[in-house]
Amino acid sequence: MISAFLKRFAIWLPLSIPVGILAGGAFSALVPEDAILDLQTAAVNGALAGAGLALIGAWVAAGTTALMRDTLRRAGASEFMTGVIISYGVIAAGLLLLEYA
């Protein structure tokens, strides 16, 4: 079980980190009203937040696909699409919560 998790985590981490950094930087630089005061700082802070959310998203995607592999195969679902939805969903939901909560 641990080796399956680590293998999936090693797959999801490089797929999630660039998306988290780009999404966090762009979101934080473009969405908040006060970002215009210091655009570069807002972008860097957003990129760091996105990287952290991507780490969490990759961890959750790896755990879900490792634990539910047999169920996903029986249902004919894609492990890759499940991981994409989970990982990128965590990034999107986290950035929205950081902005609006």
N, C-alpha and C. Protein backbone atom coordinates (compact mmCIF):
# COMPACT_ATOMS: atom_id res chain seq x y z
N MET A 1 0.82 -1.19 0.00
CA MET A 1 0.00 0.00 0.00
C MET A 1 0.87 1.26 0.00
N ILE A 2 1.92 1.26 0.82
CA ILE A 2 2.80 2.43 0.90
C ILE A 2 3.52 2.65 -0.42
N SER A 3 3.99 1.58 -1.05
CA SER A 3 4.70 1.73 -2.32
C SER A 3 3.76 2.23 -3.42
N ALA A 4 2.50 1.80 -3.39
CA ALA A 4 1.54 2.29 -4.38
C ALA A 4 1.27 3.78 -4.17
N PHE A 5 1.17 4.18 -2.91
CA PHE A 5 0.96 5.61 -2.61
C PHE A 5 2.15 6.44 -3.06
N LEU A 6 3.35 6.00 -2.73
CA LEU A 6 4.55 6.76 -3.09
C LEU A 6 4.73 6.85 -4.60
N LYS A 7 4.42 5.76 -5.30
CA LYS A 7 4.52 5.77 -6.75
C LYS A 7 3.55 6.79 -7.35
N ARG A 8 2.32 6.80 -6.87
CA ARG A 8 1.33 7.76 -7.37
C ARG A 8 1.67 9.19 -6.95
N PHE A 9 2.20 9.35 -5.75
CA PHE A 9 2.60 10.68 -5.30
C PHE A 9 3.72 11.23 -6.17
N ALA A 10 4.65 10.36 -6.56
CA ALA A 10 5.74 10.78 -7.44
C ALA A 10 5.22 11.15 -8.83
N ILE A 11 4.11 10.58 -9.23
CA ILE A 11 3.51 10.94 -10.52
C ILE A 11 2.74 12.25 -10.40
N TRP A 12 1.98 12.41 -9.33
CA TRP A 12 1.11 13.58 -9.21
C TRP A 12 1.84 14.85 -8.80
N LEU A 13 2.92 14.74 -8.09
CA LEU A 13 3.62 15.94 -7.64
C LEU A 13 4.13 16.80 -8.80
N PRO A 14 4.85 16.23 -9.79
CA PRO A 14 5.30 17.08 -10.90
C PRO A 14 4.16 17.58 -11.79
N LEU A 15 3.03 16.90 -11.76
CA LEU A 15 1.89 17.37 -12.55
C LEU A 15 1.14 18.49 -11.84
N SER A 16 1.20 18.52 -10.52
CA SER A 16 0.42 19.49 -9.75
C SER A 16 1.19 20.77 -9.43
N ILE A 17 2.47 20.67 -9.15
CA ILE A 17 3.24 21.84 -8.70
C ILE A 17 3.24 22.97 -9.74
N PRO A 18 3.54 22.72 -11.02
CA PRO A 18 3.54 23.84 -11.98
C PRO A 18 2.16 24.48 -12.12
N VAL A 19 1.13 23.66 -12.12
CA VAL A 19 -0.24 24.20 -12.23
C VAL A 19 -0.57 25.04 -11.00
N GLY A 20 -0.20 24.57 -9.82
CA GLY A 20 -0.46 25.32 -8.60
C GLY A 20 0.28 26.64 -8.57
N ILE A 21 1.54 26.64 -8.98
CA ILE A 21 2.32 27.88 -8.99
C ILE A 21 1.75 28.88 -9.98
N LEU A 22 1.46 28.42 -11.19
CA LEU A 22 0.91 29.33 -12.20
C LEU A 22 -0.47 29.84 -11.83
N ALA A 23 -1.32 28.95 -11.36
CA ALA A 23 -2.68 29.36 -10.99
C ALA A 23 -2.65 30.29 -9.79
N GLY A 24 -1.84 29.99 -8.79
CA GLY A 24 -1.77 30.84 -7.61
C GLY A 24 -1.21 32.20 -7.91
N GLY A 25 -0.15 32.26 -8.72
CA GLY A 25 0.43 33.55 -9.07
C GLY A 25 -0.52 34.40 -9.89
N ALA A 26 -1.14 33.79 -10.89
CA ALA A 26 -2.06 34.54 -11.74
C ALA A 26 -3.30 34.98 -10.97
N PHE A 27 -3.84 34.08 -10.17
CA PHE A 27 -5.05 34.40 -9.41
C PHE A 27 -4.78 35.53 -8.42
N SER A 28 -3.67 35.44 -7.69
CA SER A 28 -3.39 36.45 -6.68
C SER A 28 -2.99 37.79 -7.29
N ALA A 29 -2.45 37.78 -8.49
CA ALA A 29 -2.07 39.04 -9.12
C ALA A 29 -3.24 39.70 -9.83
N LEU A 30 -4.23 38.93 -10.25
CA LEU A 30 -5.30 39.50 -11.06
C LEU A 30 -6.62 39.69 -10.33
N VAL A 31 -6.93 38.88 -9.34
CA VAL A 31 -8.26 38.91 -8.73
C VAL A 31 -8.40 39.91 -7.59
N PRO A 32 -7.53 39.93 -6.60
CA PRO A 32 -7.77 40.84 -5.46
C PRO A 32 -7.69 42.31 -5.85
N GLU A 33 -8.46 43.10 -5.18
CA GLU A 33 -8.49 44.53 -5.48
C GLU A 33 -7.21 45.23 -5.03
N ASP A 34 -6.60 44.77 -3.96
CA ASP A 34 -5.40 45.43 -3.46
C ASP A 34 -4.12 44.92 -4.11
N ALA A 35 -4.19 44.01 -5.06
CA ALA A 35 -3.00 43.48 -5.71
C ALA A 35 -2.33 44.54 -6.57
N ILE A 36 -3.05 45.54 -7.00
CA ILE A 36 -2.48 46.57 -7.86
C ILE A 36 -1.41 47.38 -7.14
N LEU A 37 -1.48 47.43 -5.81
CA LEU A 37 -0.49 48.19 -5.03
C LEU A 37 0.89 47.56 -5.12
N ASP A 38 0.95 46.27 -5.04
CA ASP A 38 2.23 45.57 -5.12
C ASP A 38 2.02 44.26 -5.87
N LEU A 39 2.01 44.36 -7.17
CA LEU A 39 1.65 43.23 -8.03
C LEU A 39 2.62 42.07 -7.90
N GLN A 40 3.90 42.36 -7.83
CA GLN A 40 4.89 41.28 -7.77
C GLN A 40 4.81 40.50 -6.45
N THR A 41 4.63 41.20 -5.37
CA THR A 41 4.51 40.52 -4.08
C THR A 41 3.26 39.65 -4.04
N ALA A 42 2.16 40.19 -4.58
CA ALA A 42 0.92 39.41 -4.62
C ALA A 42 1.10 38.15 -5.46
N ALA A 43 1.79 38.28 -6.59
CA ALA A 43 2.01 37.11 -7.45
C ALA A 43 2.89 36.07 -6.78
N VAL A 44 3.95 36.50 -6.10
CA VAL A 44 4.84 35.55 -5.42
C VAL A 44 4.12 34.87 -4.26
N ASN A 45 3.38 35.64 -3.49
CA ASN A 45 2.62 35.04 -2.39
C ASN A 45 1.59 34.04 -2.91
N GLY A 46 0.93 34.38 -4.01
CA GLY A 46 -0.03 33.47 -4.61
C GLY A 46 0.63 32.21 -5.15
N ALA A 47 1.83 32.38 -5.73
CA ALA A 47 2.55 31.21 -6.25
C ALA A 47 2.95 30.28 -5.11
N LEU A 48 3.38 30.84 -3.99
CA LEU A 48 3.73 30.00 -2.83
C LEU A 48 2.50 29.30 -2.28
N ALA A 49 1.39 30.02 -2.20
CA ALA A 49 0.16 29.38 -1.74
C ALA A 49 -0.28 28.28 -2.71
N GLY A 50 -0.16 28.55 -4.00
CA GLY A 50 -0.51 27.55 -5.01
C GLY A 50 0.37 26.32 -4.93
N ALA A 51 1.65 26.51 -4.66
CA ALA A 51 2.56 25.37 -4.53
C ALA A 51 2.18 24.52 -3.32
N GLY A 52 1.84 25.17 -2.22
CA GLY A 52 1.41 24.41 -1.04
C GLY A 52 0.12 23.66 -1.29
N LEU A 53 -0.82 24.31 -1.97
CA LEU A 53 -2.08 23.63 -2.30
C LEU A 53 -1.85 22.48 -3.27
N ALA A 54 -0.90 22.66 -4.20
CA ALA A 54 -0.58 21.58 -5.14
C ALA A 54 0.02 20.39 -4.41
N LEU A 55 0.84 20.64 -3.41
CA LEU A 55 1.41 19.55 -2.61
C LEU A 55 0.30 18.77 -1.90
N ILE A 56 -0.64 19.50 -1.32
CA ILE A 56 -1.78 18.84 -0.67
C ILE A 56 -2.63 18.10 -1.70
N GLY A 57 -2.88 18.73 -2.84
CA GLY A 57 -3.68 18.09 -3.89
C GLY A 57 -3.04 16.82 -4.42
N ALA A 58 -1.73 16.83 -4.61
CA ALA A 58 -1.03 15.63 -5.08
C ALA A 58 -1.10 14.52 -4.04
N TRP A 59 -0.98 14.89 -2.78
CA TRP A 59 -1.05 13.91 -1.69
C TRP A 59 -2.44 13.27 -1.65
N VAL A 60 -3.48 14.09 -1.75
CA VAL A 60 -4.85 13.58 -1.71
C VAL A 60 -5.16 12.74 -2.95
N ALA A 61 -4.71 13.20 -4.13
CA ALA A 61 -4.94 12.44 -5.36
C ALA A 61 -4.23 11.09 -5.31
N ALA A 62 -3.01 11.07 -4.80
CA ALA A 62 -2.28 9.81 -4.70
C ALA A 62 -2.96 8.86 -3.73
N GLY A 63 -3.39 9.39 -2.60
CA GLY A 63 -4.08 8.54 -1.62
C GLY A 63 -5.40 8.00 -2.14
N THR A 64 -6.16 8.84 -2.81
CA THR A 64 -7.46 8.41 -3.34
C THR A 64 -7.29 7.36 -4.42
N THR A 65 -6.39 7.60 -5.37
CA THR A 65 -6.23 6.63 -6.45
C THR A 65 -5.59 5.34 -5.96
N ALA A 66 -4.75 5.40 -4.93
CA ALA A 66 -4.15 4.18 -4.39
C ALA A 66 -5.19 3.35 -3.63
N LEU A 67 -6.01 4.02 -2.83
CA LEU A 67 -7.00 3.30 -2.03
C LEU A 67 -8.17 2.79 -2.88
N MET A 68 -8.56 3.54 -3.88
CA MET A 68 -9.76 3.23 -4.65
C MET A 68 -9.45 2.63 -6.02
N ARG A 69 -8.25 2.13 -6.23
CA ARG A 69 -7.85 1.62 -7.54
C ARG A 69 -8.78 0.52 -8.04
N ASP A 70 -9.08 -0.46 -7.21
CA ASP A 70 -9.94 -1.57 -7.63
C ASP A 70 -11.36 -1.09 -7.93
N THR A 71 -11.86 -0.19 -7.10
CA THR A 71 -13.21 0.34 -7.32
C THR A 71 -13.27 1.14 -8.62
N LEU A 72 -12.25 1.94 -8.87
CA LEU A 72 -12.22 2.72 -10.11
C LEU A 72 -12.16 1.81 -11.33
N ARG A 73 -11.38 0.76 -11.25
CA ARG A 73 -11.28 -0.17 -12.38
C ARG A 73 -12.60 -0.92 -12.61
N ARG A 74 -13.26 -1.34 -11.53
CA ARG A 74 -14.55 -2.02 -11.68
C ARG A 74 -15.59 -1.11 -12.31
N ALA A 75 -15.54 0.17 -11.96
CA ALA A 75 -16.51 1.13 -12.49
C ALA A 75 -16.14 1.60 -13.89
N GLY A 76 -14.95 1.27 -14.35
CA GLY A 76 -14.51 1.71 -15.68
C GLY A 76 -14.05 3.16 -15.69
N ALA A 77 -13.72 3.68 -14.52
CA ALA A 77 -13.29 5.07 -14.42
C ALA A 77 -11.78 5.17 -14.64
N SER A 78 -11.33 6.34 -14.97
CA SER A 78 -9.93 6.59 -15.22
C SER A 78 -9.25 7.08 -13.95
N GLU A 79 -8.15 6.42 -13.58
CA GLU A 79 -7.38 6.89 -12.43
C GLU A 79 -6.79 8.26 -12.70
N PHE A 80 -6.38 8.49 -13.94
CA PHE A 80 -5.77 9.77 -14.29
C PHE A 80 -6.78 10.91 -14.16
N MET A 81 -7.97 10.74 -14.71
CA MET A 81 -8.98 11.81 -14.63
C MET A 81 -9.44 12.03 -13.19
N THR A 82 -9.52 10.96 -12.42
CA THR A 82 -9.86 11.10 -11.02
C THR A 82 -8.81 11.94 -10.29
N GLY A 83 -7.55 11.64 -10.55
CA GLY A 83 -6.47 12.40 -9.93
C GLY A 83 -6.44 13.85 -10.38
N VAL A 84 -6.72 14.09 -11.66
CA VAL A 84 -6.75 15.47 -12.17
C VAL A 84 -7.85 16.26 -11.47
N ILE A 85 -9.02 15.68 -11.40
CA ILE A 85 -10.15 16.38 -10.77
C ILE A 85 -9.85 16.66 -9.30
N ILE A 86 -9.29 15.69 -8.60
CA ILE A 86 -9.00 15.88 -7.19
C ILE A 86 -7.88 16.90 -6.98
N SER A 87 -6.76 16.71 -7.67
CA SER A 87 -5.60 17.58 -7.45
C SER A 87 -5.89 19.02 -7.85
N TYR A 88 -6.42 19.22 -9.05
CA TYR A 88 -6.67 20.58 -9.52
C TYR A 88 -7.89 21.19 -8.82
N GLY A 89 -8.80 20.34 -8.35
CA GLY A 89 -9.93 20.84 -7.57
C GLY A 89 -9.48 21.38 -6.22
N VAL A 90 -8.52 20.70 -5.60
CA VAL A 90 -7.98 21.20 -4.33
C VAL A 90 -7.30 22.55 -4.54
N ILE A 91 -6.55 22.68 -5.63
CA ILE A 91 -5.90 23.96 -5.92
C ILE A 91 -6.93 25.06 -6.12
N ALA A 92 -7.94 24.81 -6.95
CA ALA A 92 -8.95 25.83 -7.24
C ALA A 92 -9.75 26.19 -5.99
N ALA A 93 -10.18 25.20 -5.25
CA ALA A 93 -10.97 25.46 -4.04
C ALA A 93 -10.14 26.20 -3.00
N GLY A 94 -8.89 25.83 -2.85
CA GLY A 94 -8.02 26.50 -1.88
C GLY A 94 -7.77 27.95 -2.23
N LEU A 95 -7.54 28.24 -3.52
CA LEU A 95 -7.33 29.63 -3.92
C LEU A 95 -8.59 30.46 -3.73
N LEU A 96 -9.72 29.89 -4.03
CA LEU A 96 -10.97 30.61 -3.82
C LEU A 96 -11.22 30.86 -2.33
N LEU A 97 -10.92 29.88 -1.50
CA LEU A 97 -11.06 30.08 -0.06
C LEU A 97 -10.10 31.13 0.48
N LEU A 98 -8.88 31.13 -0.04
CA LEU A 98 -7.92 32.14 0.41
C LEU A 98 -8.36 33.55 0.05
N GLU A 99 -9.04 33.69 -1.07
CA GLU A 99 -9.47 35.01 -1.51
C GLU A 99 -10.76 35.47 -0.84
N TYR A 100 -11.72 34.58 -0.75
CA TYR A 100 -13.06 35.00 -0.35
C TYR A 100 -13.46 34.62 1.06
N ALA A 101 -12.63 33.89 1.78
CA ALA A 101 -12.99 33.50 3.14
C ALA A 101 -12.38 34.42 4.17
